[in-house]
Amino acid sequence: MADLSSVAKTIILAGTIIASIGILFLFSDKIPWLGRLPGDINIEKENFTLYFPFTTCVILSVIISAIFFLITRR
């Protein structure tokens, strides 16, 4: 059985991460380059639009991975 203090720390960490993501979404329109980087895929046809922010996803993934690496490093 897991120690309750480690479970509490995990829940606090998860809540902090979720709150940070919420703040990022809240202020994402204030970051002009987010979602408009070179490499983001945007296909517009007559009755069809496909938008996939590939480069933005890669950059955010690297940043989140670095944060997790720094948090879990001992």
PDB file of N, CA and C in Angstrom:
ATOM      1  N   MET A   1       0.841  -1.175   0.000  1.00  0.00           N
ATOM      2  CA  MET A   1       0.000   0.000   0.000  1.00  0.00           C
ATOM      3  C   MET A   1       0.888   1.241   0.000  1.00  0.00           C
ATOM      4  N   ALA A   2       0.525   2.210  -0.779  1.00  0.00           N
ATOM      5  CA  ALA A   2       1.321   3.433  -0.909  1.00  0.00           C
ATOM      6  C   ALA A   2       1.177   4.297   0.338  1.00  0.00           C
ATOM      7  N   ASP A   3       2.259   4.958   0.652  1.00  0.00           N
ATOM      8  CA  ASP A   3       2.247   5.888   1.778  1.00  0.00           C
ATOM      9  C   ASP A   3       1.337   7.069   1.429  1.00  0.00           C
ATOM     10  N   LEU A   4       0.503   7.480   2.364  1.00  0.00           N
ATOM     11  CA  LEU A   4      -0.468   8.545   2.089  1.00  0.00           C
ATOM     12  C   LEU A   4       0.187   9.868   1.737  1.00  0.00           C
ATOM     13  N   SER A   5       1.358  10.150   2.290  1.00  0.00           N
ATOM     14  CA  SER A   5       2.013  11.418   1.960  1.00  0.00           C
ATOM     15  C   SER A   5       2.498  11.423   0.514  1.00  0.00           C
ATOM     16  N   SER A   6       2.926  10.268  -0.008  1.00  0.00           N
ATOM     17  CA  SER A   6       3.349  10.238  -1.410  1.00  0.00           C
ATOM     18  C   SER A   6       2.149  10.356  -2.340  1.00  0.00           C
ATOM     19  N   VAL A   7       1.016   9.793  -1.951  1.00  0.00           N
ATOM     20  CA  VAL A   7      -0.205   9.928  -2.742  1.00  0.00           C
ATOM     21  C   VAL A   7      -0.660  11.381  -2.738  1.00  0.00           C
ATOM     22  N   ALA A   8      -0.588  12.030  -1.586  1.00  0.00           N
ATOM     23  CA  ALA A   8      -0.979  13.435  -1.495  1.00  0.00           C
ATOM     24  C   ALA A   8      -0.074  14.313  -2.365  1.00  0.00           C
ATOM     25  N   LYS A   9       1.225  14.049  -2.346  1.00  0.00           N
ATOM     26  CA  LYS A   9       2.162  14.824  -3.181  1.00  0.00           C
ATOM     27  C   LYS A   9       1.865  14.617  -4.659  1.00  0.00           C
ATOM     28  N   THR A  10       1.536  13.393  -5.035  1.00  0.00           N
ATOM     29  CA  THR A  10       1.213  13.107  -6.431  1.00  0.00           C
ATOM     30  C   THR A  10      -0.050  13.844  -6.862  1.00  0.00           C
ATOM     31  N   ILE A  11      -1.058  13.865  -6.006  1.00  0.00           N
ATOM     32  CA  ILE A  11      -2.306  14.560  -6.325  1.00  0.00           C
ATOM     33  C   ILE A  11      -2.063  16.074  -6.427  1.00  0.00           C
ATOM     34  N   ILE A  12      -1.257  16.613  -5.542  1.00  0.00           N
ATOM     35  CA  ILE A  12      -0.931  18.048  -5.604  1.00  0.00           C
ATOM     36  C   ILE A  12      -0.178  18.364  -6.882  1.00  0.00           C
ATOM     37  N   LEU A  13       0.780  17.518  -7.260  1.00  0.00           N
ATOM     38  CA  LEU A  13       1.539  17.723  -8.496  1.00  0.00           C
ATOM     39  C   LEU A  13       0.623  17.662  -9.710  1.00  0.00           C
ATOM     40  N   ALA A  14      -0.270  16.665  -9.743  1.00  0.00           N
ATOM     41  CA  ALA A  14      -1.206  16.544 -10.863  1.00  0.00           C
ATOM     42  C   ALA A  14      -2.127  17.764 -10.943  1.00  0.00           C
ATOM     43  N   GLY A  15      -2.599  18.241  -9.802  1.00  0.00           N
ATOM     44  CA  GLY A  15      -3.447  19.429  -9.788  1.00  0.00           C
ATOM     45  C   GLY A  15      -2.717  20.668 -10.268  1.00  0.00           C
ATOM     46  N   THR A  16      -1.452  20.797  -9.882  1.00  0.00           N
ATOM     47  CA  THR A  16      -0.642  21.932 -10.325  1.00  0.00           C
ATOM     48  C   THR A  16      -0.433  21.893 -11.831  1.00  0.00           C
ATOM     49  N   ILE A  17      -0.180  20.716 -12.364  1.00  0.00           N
ATOM     50  CA  ILE A  17       0.017  20.570 -13.813  1.00  0.00           C
ATOM     51  C   ILE A  17      -1.271  20.894 -14.558  1.00  0.00           C
ATOM     52  N   ILE A  18      -2.405  20.393 -14.072  1.00  0.00           N
ATOM     53  CA  ILE A  18      -3.688  20.661 -14.726  1.00  0.00           C
ATOM     54  C   ILE A  18      -4.024  22.150 -14.661  1.00  0.00           C
ATOM     55  N   ALA A  19      -3.749  22.789 -13.531  1.00  0.00           N
ATOM     56  CA  ALA A  19      -3.992  24.229 -13.410  1.00  0.00           C
ATOM     57  C   ALA A  19      -3.091  25.013 -14.356  1.00  0.00           C
ATOM     58  N   SER A  20      -1.842  24.587 -14.504  1.00  0.00           N
ATOM     59  CA  SER A  20      -0.914  25.256 -15.419  1.00  0.00           C
ATOM     60  C   SER A  20      -1.384  25.135 -16.860  1.00  0.00           C
ATOM     61  N   ILE A  21      -1.867  23.966 -17.228  1.00  0.00           N
ATOM     62  CA  ILE A  21      -2.400  23.777 -18.581  1.00  0.00           C
ATOM     63  C   ILE A  21      -3.635  24.655 -18.791  1.00  0.00           C
ATOM     64  N   GLY A  22      -4.484  24.754 -17.783  1.00  0.00           N
ATOM     65  CA  GLY A  22      -5.663  25.624 -17.876  1.00  0.00           C
ATOM     66  C   GLY A  22      -5.285  27.080 -18.057  1.00  0.00           C
ATOM     67  N   ILE A  23      -4.260  27.526 -17.339  1.00  0.00           N
ATOM     68  CA  ILE A  23      -3.791  28.907 -17.488  1.00  0.00           C
ATOM     69  C   ILE A  23      -3.210  29.120 -18.880  1.00  0.00           C
ATOM     70  N   LEU A  24      -2.488  28.124 -19.390  1.00  0.00           N
ATOM     71  CA  LEU A  24      -1.944  28.223 -20.752  1.00  0.00           C
ATOM     72  C   LEU A  24      -3.067  28.367 -21.770  1.00  0.00           C
ATOM     73  N   PHE A  25      -4.143  27.583 -21.622  1.00  0.00           N
ATOM     74  CA  PHE A  25      -5.281  27.702 -22.534  1.00  0.00           C
ATOM     75  C   PHE A  25      -5.976  29.046 -22.386  1.00  0.00           C
ATOM     76  N   LEU A  26      -6.056  29.541 -21.168  1.00  0.00           N
ATOM     77  CA  LEU A  26      -6.716  30.815 -20.914  1.00  0.00           C
ATOM     78  C   LEU A  26      -5.992  31.967 -21.604  1.00  0.00           C
ATOM     79  N   PHE A  27      -4.668  31.943 -21.570  1.00  0.00           N
ATOM     80  CA  PHE A  27      -3.883  33.026 -22.146  1.00  0.00           C
ATOM     81  C   PHE A  27      -3.269  32.677 -23.496  1.00  0.00           C
ATOM     82  N   SER A  28      -3.721  31.594 -24.129  1.00  0.00           N
ATOM     83  CA  SER A  28      -3.120  31.167 -25.393  1.00  0.00           C
ATOM     84  C   SER A  28      -3.341  32.170 -26.529  1.00  0.00           C
ATOM     85  N   ASP A  29      -4.425  32.942 -26.478  1.00  0.00           N
ATOM     86  CA  ASP A  29      -4.636  33.940 -27.526  1.00  0.00           C
ATOM     87  C   ASP A  29      -3.683  35.122 -27.375  1.00  0.00           C
ATOM     88  N   LYS A  30      -3.062  35.259 -26.216  1.00  0.00           N
ATOM     89  CA  LYS A  30      -2.094  36.338 -25.989  1.00  0.00           C
ATOM     90  C   LYS A  30      -0.688  35.946 -26.450  1.00  0.00           C
ATOM     91  N   ILE A  31      -0.488  34.659 -26.775  1.00  0.00           N
ATOM     92  CA  ILE A  31       0.799  34.188 -27.289  1.00  0.00           C
ATOM     93  C   ILE A  31       0.630  34.051 -28.804  1.00  0.00           C
ATOM     94  N   PRO A  32       1.087  35.030 -29.583  1.00  0.00           N
ATOM     95  CA  PRO A  32       0.752  35.061 -31.010  1.00  0.00           C
ATOM     96  C   PRO A  32       1.372  33.931 -31.830  1.00  0.00           C
ATOM     97  N   TRP A  33       2.507  33.403 -31.412  1.00  0.00           N
ATOM     98  CA  TRP A  33       3.168  32.378 -32.204  1.00  0.00           C
ATOM     99  C   TRP A  33       2.657  30.982 -31.920  1.00  0.00           C
ATOM    100  N   LEU A  34       1.928  30.793 -30.833  1.00  0.00           N
ATOM    101  CA  LEU A  34       1.453  29.467 -30.446  1.00  0.00           C
ATOM    102  C   LEU A  34       0.412  28.983 -31.442  1.00  0.00           C
ATOM    103  N   GLY A  35       0.707  27.901 -32.147  1.00  0.00           N
ATOM    104  CA  GLY A  35      -0.200  27.339 -33.136  1.00  0.00           C
ATOM    105  C   GLY A  35      -0.020  27.890 -34.528  1.00  0.00           C
ATOM    106  N   ARG A  36       0.939  28.771 -34.715  1.00  0.00           N
ATOM    107  CA  ARG A  36       1.179  29.361 -36.038  1.00  0.00           C
ATOM    108  C   ARG A  36       2.653  29.266 -36.418  1.00  0.00           C
ATOM    109  N   LEU A  37       3.298  28.186 -36.033  1.00  0.00           N
ATOM    110  CA  LEU A  37       4.719  28.014 -36.319  1.00  0.00           C
ATOM    111  C   LEU A  37       4.916  27.361 -37.680  1.00  0.00           C
ATOM    112  N   PRO A  38       6.088  27.553 -38.278  1.00  0.00           N
ATOM    113  CA  PRO A  38       6.382  26.814 -39.510  1.00  0.00           C
ATOM    114  C   PRO A  38       6.369  25.317 -39.210  1.00  0.00           C
ATOM    115  N   GLY A  39       5.728  24.546 -40.030  1.00  0.00           N
ATOM    116  CA  GLY A  39       5.609  23.115 -39.805  1.00  0.00           C
ATOM    117  C   GLY A  39       4.242  22.708 -39.289  1.00  0.00           C
ATOM    118  N   ASP A  40       3.440  23.671 -38.860  1.00  0.00           N
ATOM    119  CA  ASP A  40       2.060  23.376 -38.492  1.00  0.00           C
ATOM    120  C   ASP A  40       1.271  23.138 -39.779  1.00  0.00           C
ATOM    121  N   ILE A  41       0.483  22.087 -39.781  1.00  0.00           N
ATOM    122  CA  ILE A  41      -0.206  21.673 -41.001  1.00  0.00           C
ATOM    123  C   ILE A  41      -1.575  22.353 -41.064  1.00  0.00           C
ATOM    124  N   ASN A  42      -1.839  23.017 -42.183  1.00  0.00           N
ATOM    125  CA  ASN A  42      -3.117  23.692 -42.397  1.00  0.00           C
ATOM    126  C   ASN A  42      -3.548  23.444 -43.836  1.00  0.00           C
ATOM    127  N   ILE A  43      -4.596  22.645 -44.012  1.00  0.00           N
ATOM    128  CA  ILE A  43      -5.120  22.331 -45.343  1.00  0.00           C
ATOM    129  C   ILE A  43      -6.540  22.867 -45.420  1.00  0.00           C
ATOM    130  N   GLU A  44      -6.781  23.749 -46.365  1.00  0.00           N
ATOM    131  CA  GLU A  44      -8.115  24.316 -46.548  1.00  0.00           C
ATOM    132  C   GLU A  44      -8.602  24.001 -47.951  1.00  0.00           C
ATOM    133  N   LYS A  45      -9.738  23.331 -48.033  1.00  0.00           N
ATOM    134  CA  LYS A  45     -10.374  23.043 -49.309  1.00  0.00           C
ATOM    135  C   LYS A  45     -11.756  23.674 -49.288  1.00  0.00           C
ATOM    136  N   GLU A  46     -12.531  23.395 -50.298  1.00  0.00           N
ATOM    137  CA  GLU A  46     -13.840  24.029 -50.425  1.00  0.00           C
ATOM    138  C   GLU A  46     -14.744  23.772 -49.212  1.00  0.00           C
ATOM    139  N   ASN A  47     -14.962  22.510 -48.868  1.00  0.00           N
ATOM    140  CA  ASN A  47     -15.833  22.174 -47.744  1.00  0.00           C
ATOM    141  C   ASN A  47     -15.085  21.421 -46.651  1.00  0.00           C
ATOM    142  N   PHE A  48     -13.790  21.634 -46.567  1.00  0.00           N
ATOM    143  CA  PHE A  48     -12.970  20.856 -45.644  1.00  0.00           C
ATOM    144  C   PHE A  48     -11.805  21.694 -45.146  1.00  0.00           C
ATOM    145  N   THR A  49     -11.570  21.671 -43.851  1.00  0.00           N
ATOM    146  CA  THR A  49     -10.419  22.347 -43.265  1.00  0.00           C
ATOM    147  C   THR A  49      -9.764  21.395 -42.278  1.00  0.00           C
ATOM    148  N   LEU A  50      -8.455  21.202 -42.434  1.00  0.00           N
ATOM    149  CA  LEU A  50      -7.683  20.376 -41.515  1.00  0.00           C
ATOM    150  C   LEU A  50      -6.561  21.231 -40.958  1.00  0.00           C
ATOM    151  N   TYR A  51      -6.498  21.296 -39.649  1.00  0.00           N
ATOM    152  CA  TYR A  51      -5.434  22.053 -39.004  1.00  0.00           C
ATOM    153  C   TYR A  51      -4.824  21.174 -37.932  1.00  0.00           C
ATOM    154  N   PHE A  52      -3.533  20.915 -38.021  1.00  0.00           N
ATOM    155  CA  PHE A  52      -2.825  20.145 -37.012  1.00  0.00           C
ATOM    156  C   PHE A  52      -1.537  20.879 -36.669  1.00  0.00           C
ATOM    157  N   PRO A  53      -1.421  21.396 -35.454  1.00  0.00           N
ATOM    158  CA  PRO A  53      -0.224  22.155 -35.063  1.00  0.00           C
ATOM    159  C   PRO A  53       0.935  21.225 -34.703  1.00  0.00           C
ATOM    160  N   PHE A  54       1.534  20.593 -35.700  1.00  0.00           N
ATOM    161  CA  PHE A  54       2.576  19.586 -35.492  1.00  0.00           C
ATOM    162  C   PHE A  54       3.787  20.160 -34.756  1.00  0.00           C
ATOM    163  N   THR A  55       4.340  21.247 -35.250  1.00  0.00           N
ATOM    164  CA  THR A  55       5.526  21.841 -34.634  1.00  0.00           C
ATOM    165  C   THR A  55       5.226  22.341 -33.224  1.00  0.00           C
ATOM    166  N   THR A  56       4.078  22.936 -33.040  1.00  0.00           N
ATOM    167  CA  THR A  56       3.684  23.403 -31.711  1.00  0.00           C
ATOM    168  C   THR A  56       3.594  22.228 -30.745  1.00  0.00           C
ATOM    169  N   CYS A  57       3.032  21.106 -31.189  1.00  0.00           N
ATOM    170  CA  CYS A  57       2.936  19.917 -30.339  1.00  0.00           C
ATOM    171  C   CYS A  57       4.313  19.387 -29.960  1.00  0.00           C
ATOM    172  N   VAL A  58       5.238  19.369 -30.921  1.00  0.00           N
ATOM    173  CA  VAL A  58       6.587  18.878 -30.642  1.00  0.00           C
ATOM    174  C   VAL A  58       7.283  19.776 -29.616  1.00  0.00           C
ATOM    175  N   ILE A  59       7.182  21.090 -29.787  1.00  0.00           N
ATOM    176  CA  ILE A  59       7.829  22.022 -28.859  1.00  0.00           C
ATOM    177  C   ILE A  59       7.228  21.905 -27.460  1.00  0.00           C
ATOM    178  N   LEU A  60       5.893  21.851 -27.360  1.00  0.00           N
ATOM    179  CA  LEU A  60       5.255  21.702 -26.057  1.00  0.00           C
ATOM    180  C   LEU A  60       5.622  20.367 -25.414  1.00  0.00           C
ATOM    181  N   SER A  61       5.755  19.316 -26.217  1.00  0.00           N
ATOM    182  CA  SER A  61       6.154  18.017 -25.691  1.00  0.00           C
ATOM    183  C   SER A  61       7.565  18.053 -25.114  1.00  0.00           C
ATOM    184  N   VAL A  62       8.476  18.728 -25.799  1.00  0.00           N
ATOM    185  CA  VAL A  62       9.846  18.854 -25.298  1.00  0.00           C
ATOM    186  C   VAL A  62       9.867  19.643 -23.993  1.00  0.00           C
ATOM    187  N   ILE A  63       9.103  20.720 -23.922  1.00  0.00           N
ATOM    188  CA  ILE A  63       9.061  21.538 -22.709  1.00  0.00           C
ATOM    189  C   ILE A  63       8.472  20.743 -21.541  1.00  0.00           C
ATOM    190  N   ILE A  64       7.367  20.035 -21.780  1.00  0.00           N
ATOM    191  CA  ILE A  64       6.749  19.250 -20.718  1.00  0.00           C
ATOM    192  C   ILE A  64       7.663  18.106 -20.282  1.00  0.00           C
ATOM    193  N   SER A  65       8.339  17.458 -21.227  1.00  0.00           N
ATOM    194  CA  SER A  65       9.281  16.387 -20.881  1.00  0.00           C
ATOM    195  C   SER A  65      10.431  16.923 -20.036  1.00  0.00           C
ATOM    196  N   ALA A  66      10.935  18.099 -20.371  1.00  0.00           N
ATOM    197  CA  ALA A  66      12.014  18.699 -19.581  1.00  0.00           C
ATOM    198  C   ALA A  66      11.552  19.022 -18.166  1.00  0.00           C
ATOM    199  N   ILE A  67      10.330  19.523 -18.038  1.00  0.00           N
ATOM    200  CA  ILE A  67       9.792  19.827 -16.708  1.00  0.00           C
ATOM    201  C   ILE A  67       9.668  18.546 -15.884  1.00  0.00           C
ATOM    202  N   PHE A  68       9.119  17.481 -16.482  1.00  0.00           N
ATOM    203  CA  PHE A  68       9.005  16.216 -15.755  1.00  0.00           C
ATOM    204  C   PHE A  68      10.381  15.643 -15.399  1.00  0.00           C
ATOM    205  N   PHE A  69      11.345  15.791 -16.306  1.00  0.00           N
ATOM    206  CA  PHE A  69      12.691  15.315 -16.021  1.00  0.00           C
ATOM    207  C   PHE A  69      13.284  16.045 -14.811  1.00  0.00           C
ATOM    208  N   LEU A  70      13.098  17.367 -14.770  1.00  0.00           N
ATOM    209  CA  LEU A  70      13.629  18.137 -13.654  1.00  0.00           C
ATOM    210  C   LEU A  70      12.907  17.830 -12.341  1.00  0.00           C
ATOM    211  N   ILE A  71      11.615  17.543 -12.418  1.00  0.00           N
ATOM    212  CA  ILE A  71      10.858  17.232 -11.203  1.00  0.00           C
ATOM    213  C   ILE A  71      11.255  15.860 -10.647  1.00  0.00           C
ATOM    214  N   THR A  72      11.424  14.881 -11.523  1.00  0.00           N
ATOM    215  CA  THR A  72      11.686  13.521 -11.062  1.00  0.00           C
ATOM    216  C   THR A  72      13.165  13.224 -10.843  1.00  0.00           C
ATOM    217  N   ARG A  73      14.038  14.122 -11.239  1.00  0.00           N
ATOM    218  CA  ARG A  73      15.475  13.901 -11.058  1.00  0.00           C
ATOM    219  C   ARG A  73      15.806  13.969  -9.574  1.00  0.00           C
ATOM    220  N   ARG A  74      16.641  13.066  -9.134  1.00  0.00           N
ATOM    221  CA  ARG A  74      17.005  13.036  -7.701  1.00  0.00           C
ATOM    222  C   ARG A  74      18.474  13.088  -7.529  1.00  0.00           C
TER     223      ARG A  74
END
